[in-house]
C-alpha cells in the first residue's frame, strides 16, 4: 500500500511537470529528484525544523524519521528504475549500417580453423 502511495504521488508530480511543459526531462534529472523526494537535501535536514523532525518525526505519517524517508525514496527509485527499464525494453532497437570491411570472409568460414585434427 505504501509502495502504491509513493508511486502515485511521484508519478502525479511527473504528470504535472509534463503537463506544464512538453519538454522531455532528462532521466538523470528525474532520478535526482526521486532520490531527494521524501528525505530532502542536506540543507533541509540541518536546519532547526529538520533537527526537530529527526527527533520527533513530525512532518508526515507514519513518522518522517530519516530511516522512513530514505526507505520511501528507495521505493520511489525502484519504481522509477523498473519503469525506465520497461520503456527501454519495449522501444525499437536502433539499426545502423555496418562499417566498411576490407575482409571478404570470417574465421568461421575458414575451413582450416574448423577442422578437428
C-alpha atoms as a PDB file:
ATOM      1  CA  UNK A   1       0.000   0.000   0.000  1.00  0.00           C
ATOM      2  CA  UNK A   2       2.837   2.367   0.857  1.00  0.00           C
ATOM      3  CA  UNK A   3       4.505   1.498  -2.444  1.00  0.00           C
ATOM      4  CA  UNK A   4       1.350   2.403  -4.385  1.00  0.00           C
ATOM      5  CA  UNK A   5       1.007   5.634  -2.437  1.00  0.00           C
ATOM      6  CA  UNK A   6       4.610   6.608  -3.132  1.00  0.00           C
ATOM      7  CA  UNK A   7       4.267   5.680  -6.805  1.00  0.00           C
ATOM      8  CA  UNK A   8       1.065   7.650  -7.260  1.00  0.00           C
ATOM      9  CA  UNK A   9       2.493  10.701  -5.501  1.00  0.00           C
ATOM     10  CA  UNK A  10       5.687  10.611  -7.532  1.00  0.00           C
ATOM     11  CA  UNK A  11       4.072   9.965 -10.895  1.00  0.00           C
ATOM     12  CA  UNK A  12       1.426  12.616 -10.286  1.00  0.00           C
ATOM     13  CA  UNK A  13       4.310  15.049  -9.805  1.00  0.00           C
ATOM     14  CA  UNK A  14       5.789  13.876 -13.101  1.00  0.00           C
ATOM     15  CA  UNK A  15       2.436  14.307 -14.839  1.00  0.00           C
ATOM     16  CA  UNK A  16       2.059  17.855 -13.507  1.00  0.00           C
ATOM     17  CA  UNK A  17       5.546  18.716 -14.717  1.00  0.00           C
ATOM     18  CA  UNK A  18       4.882  17.202 -18.140  1.00  0.00           C
ATOM     19  CA  UNK A  19       1.502  18.949 -18.357  1.00  0.00           C
ATOM     20  CA  UNK A  20       3.093  22.341 -17.761  1.00  0.00           C
ATOM     21  CA  UNK A  21       5.848  21.978 -20.311  1.00  0.00           C
ATOM     22  CA  UNK A  22       6.017  19.418 -23.062  1.00  0.00           C
ATOM     23  CA  UNK A  23       9.827  19.385 -22.905  1.00  0.00           C
ATOM     24  CA  UNK A  24      11.265  15.997 -22.035  1.00  0.00           C
ATOM     25  CA  UNK A  25      13.105  15.944 -18.746  1.00  0.00           C
ATOM     26  CA  UNK A  26      16.400  14.026 -18.808  1.00  0.00           C
ATOM     27  CA  UNK A  27      16.362  10.689 -17.000  1.00  0.00           C
ATOM     28  CA  UNK A  28      19.204  11.678 -14.683  1.00  0.00           C
ATOM     29  CA  UNK A  29      17.239  14.739 -13.510  1.00  0.00           C
ATOM     30  CA  UNK A  30      14.215  12.558 -12.743  1.00  0.00           C
ATOM     31  CA  UNK A  31      16.396  10.180 -10.735  1.00  0.00           C
ATOM     32  CA  UNK A  32      17.966  13.083  -8.827  1.00  0.00           C
ATOM     33  CA  UNK A  33      14.506  14.357  -7.893  1.00  0.00           C
ATOM     34  CA  UNK A  34      13.406  10.849  -6.888  1.00  0.00           C
ATOM     35  CA  UNK A  35      16.386  10.373  -4.594  1.00  0.00           C
ATOM     36  CA  UNK A  36      15.523  13.529  -2.639  1.00  0.00           C
ATOM     37  CA  UNK A  37      11.734  13.264  -2.921  1.00  0.00           C
ATOM     38  CA  UNK A  38      10.977  12.454   0.732  1.00  0.00           C
ATOM     39  CA  UNK A  39      14.264  12.875   2.551  1.00  0.00           C
ATOM     40  CA  UNK A  40      15.093  16.297   1.139  1.00  0.00           C
ATOM     41  CA  UNK A  41      18.500  17.801   0.724  1.00  0.00           C
ATOM     42  CA  UNK A  42      21.278  18.240   3.247  1.00  0.00           C
ATOM     43  CA  UNK A  43      20.098  21.782   3.999  1.00  0.00           C
ATOM     44  CA  UNK A  44      16.572  20.567   4.786  1.00  0.00           C
ATOM     45  CA  UNK A  45      17.943  18.175   7.390  1.00  0.00           C
ATOM     46  CA  UNK A  46      20.375  20.570   9.106  1.00  0.00           C
ATOM     47  CA  UNK A  47      18.039  23.482   9.855  1.00  0.00           C
ATOM     48  CA  UNK A  48      16.096  23.640  13.129  1.00  0.00           C
ATOM     49  CA  UNK A  49      12.898  22.083  11.750  1.00  0.00           C
ATOM     50  CA  UNK A  50      14.943  19.272  10.199  1.00  0.00           C
ATOM     51  CA  UNK A  51      16.610  18.570  13.543  1.00  0.00           C
ATOM     52  CA  UNK A  52      13.208  18.518  15.288  1.00  0.00           C
ATOM     53  CA  UNK A  53      11.956  16.119  12.623  1.00  0.00           C
ATOM     54  CA  UNK A  54      14.887  13.767  13.282  1.00  0.00           C
ATOM     55  CA  UNK A  55      13.971  13.652  16.973  1.00  0.00           C
ATOM     56  CA  UNK A  56      10.157  13.660  16.799  1.00  0.00           C
ATOM     57  CA  UNK A  57       9.313  12.627  13.218  1.00  0.00           C
ATOM     58  CA  UNK A  58       6.523  15.222  12.991  1.00  0.00           C
ATOM     59  CA  UNK A  59       6.402  16.075   9.269  1.00  0.00           C
ATOM     60  CA  UNK A  60       4.305  13.202   7.913  1.00  0.00           C
ATOM     61  CA  UNK A  61       2.586   9.970   8.869  1.00  0.00           C
ATOM     62  CA  UNK A  62       3.785   7.258   9.803  1.00  0.00           C
ATOM     63  CA  UNK A  63       6.607   9.402  11.130  1.00  0.00           C
ATOM     64  CA  UNK A  64       9.087  11.105   8.879  1.00  0.00           C
ATOM     65  CA  UNK A  65      12.156   9.860  10.637  1.00  0.00           C
ATOM     66  CA  UNK A  66      15.204   9.783   8.349  1.00  0.00           C
ATOM     67  CA  UNK A  67      15.035   5.998   8.026  1.00  0.00           C
ATOM     68  CA  UNK A  68      11.418   6.134   6.808  1.00  0.00           C
ATOM     69  CA  UNK A  69      12.204   8.935   4.375  1.00  0.00           C
ATOM     70  CA  UNK A  70      15.177   7.058   2.925  1.00  0.00           C
ATOM     71  CA  UNK A  71      13.016   3.935   2.588  1.00  0.00           C
ATOM     72  CA  UNK A  72      10.344   5.915   0.717  1.00  0.00           C
ATOM     73  CA  UNK A  73      12.971   7.406  -1.588  1.00  0.00           C
ATOM     74  CA  UNK A  74      14.430   3.952  -2.256  1.00  0.00           C
ATOM     75  CA  UNK A  75      10.975   2.622  -3.150  1.00  0.00           C
ATOM     76  CA  UNK A  76      10.436   5.562  -5.490  1.00  0.00           C
ATOM     77  CA  UNK A  77      13.794   4.963  -7.188  1.00  0.00           C
ATOM     78  CA  UNK A  78      12.977   1.250  -7.506  1.00  0.00           C
ATOM     79  CA  UNK A  79       9.651   2.018  -9.213  1.00  0.00           C
ATOM     80  CA  UNK A  80      11.321   4.568 -11.470  1.00  0.00           C
ATOM     81  CA  UNK A  81      14.112   2.132 -12.400  1.00  0.00           C
ATOM     82  CA  UNK A  82      11.609  -0.566 -13.335  1.00  0.00           C
ATOM     83  CA  UNK A  83       9.633   1.923 -15.413  1.00  0.00           C
ATOM     84  CA  UNK A  84      12.738   3.151 -17.266  1.00  0.00           C
ATOM     85  CA  UNK A  85      13.885  -0.419 -17.918  1.00  0.00           C
ATOM     86  CA  UNK A  86      10.433  -1.382 -19.238  1.00  0.00           C
ATOM     87  CA  UNK A  87      10.432   1.603 -21.574  1.00  0.00           C
ATOM     88  CA  UNK A  88      13.885   0.699 -22.866  1.00  0.00           C
ATOM     89  CA  UNK A  89      12.883  -2.921 -23.398  1.00  0.00           C
ATOM     90  CA  UNK A  90       9.788  -2.003 -25.370  1.00  0.00           C
ATOM     91  CA  UNK A  91      11.414   0.589 -27.594  1.00  0.00           C
ATOM     92  CA  UNK A  92      12.527  -0.163 -31.109  1.00  0.00           C
ATOM     93  CA  UNK A  93      16.196  -1.122 -31.470  1.00  0.00           C
ATOM     94  CA  UNK A  94      18.496   1.328 -33.184  1.00  0.00           C
ATOM     95  CA  UNK A  95      19.712  -0.056 -36.511  1.00  0.00           C
ATOM     96  CA  UNK A  96      22.937   1.190 -38.073  1.00  0.00           C
ATOM     97  CA  UNK A  97      24.861   0.299 -41.200  1.00  0.00           C
ATOM     98  CA  UNK A  98      27.859  -1.961 -40.853  1.00  0.00           C
ATOM     99  CA  UNK A  99      31.240  -0.339 -41.155  1.00  0.00           C
ATOM    100  CA  UNK A 100      33.188  -0.820 -44.332  1.00  0.00           C
ATOM    101  CA  UNK A 101      35.161  -4.068 -44.039  1.00  0.00           C
ATOM    102  CA  UNK A 102      38.202  -4.951 -46.180  1.00  0.00           C
ATOM    103  CA  UNK A 103      37.800  -8.671 -45.461  1.00  0.00           C
ATOM    104  CA  UNK A 104      35.596 -10.938 -47.549  1.00  0.00           C
ATOM    105  CA  UNK A 105      35.452 -13.945 -45.198  1.00  0.00           C
ATOM    106  CA  UNK A 106      35.395 -14.615 -41.489  1.00  0.00           C
ATOM    107  CA  UNK A 107      37.220 -17.047 -39.221  1.00  0.00           C
ATOM    108  CA  UNK A 108      34.099 -19.199 -39.000  1.00  0.00           C
ATOM    109  CA  UNK A 109      34.012 -19.592 -42.775  1.00  0.00           C
ATOM    110  CA  UNK A 110      37.689 -20.618 -42.984  1.00  0.00           C
ATOM    111  CA  UNK A 111      37.862 -24.464 -43.108  1.00  0.00           C
ATOM    112  CA  UNK A 112      41.344 -24.667 -41.612  1.00  0.00           C
ATOM    113  CA  UNK A 113      40.051 -23.256 -38.313  1.00  0.00           C
ATOM    114  CA  UNK A 114      37.041 -25.521 -38.151  1.00  0.00           C
ATOM    115  CA  UNK A 115      38.785 -28.830 -38.836  1.00  0.00           C
ATOM    116  CA  UNK A 116      39.361 -31.086 -35.851  1.00  0.00           C
ATOM    117  CA  UNK A 117      42.664 -32.948 -36.325  1.00  0.00           C
END
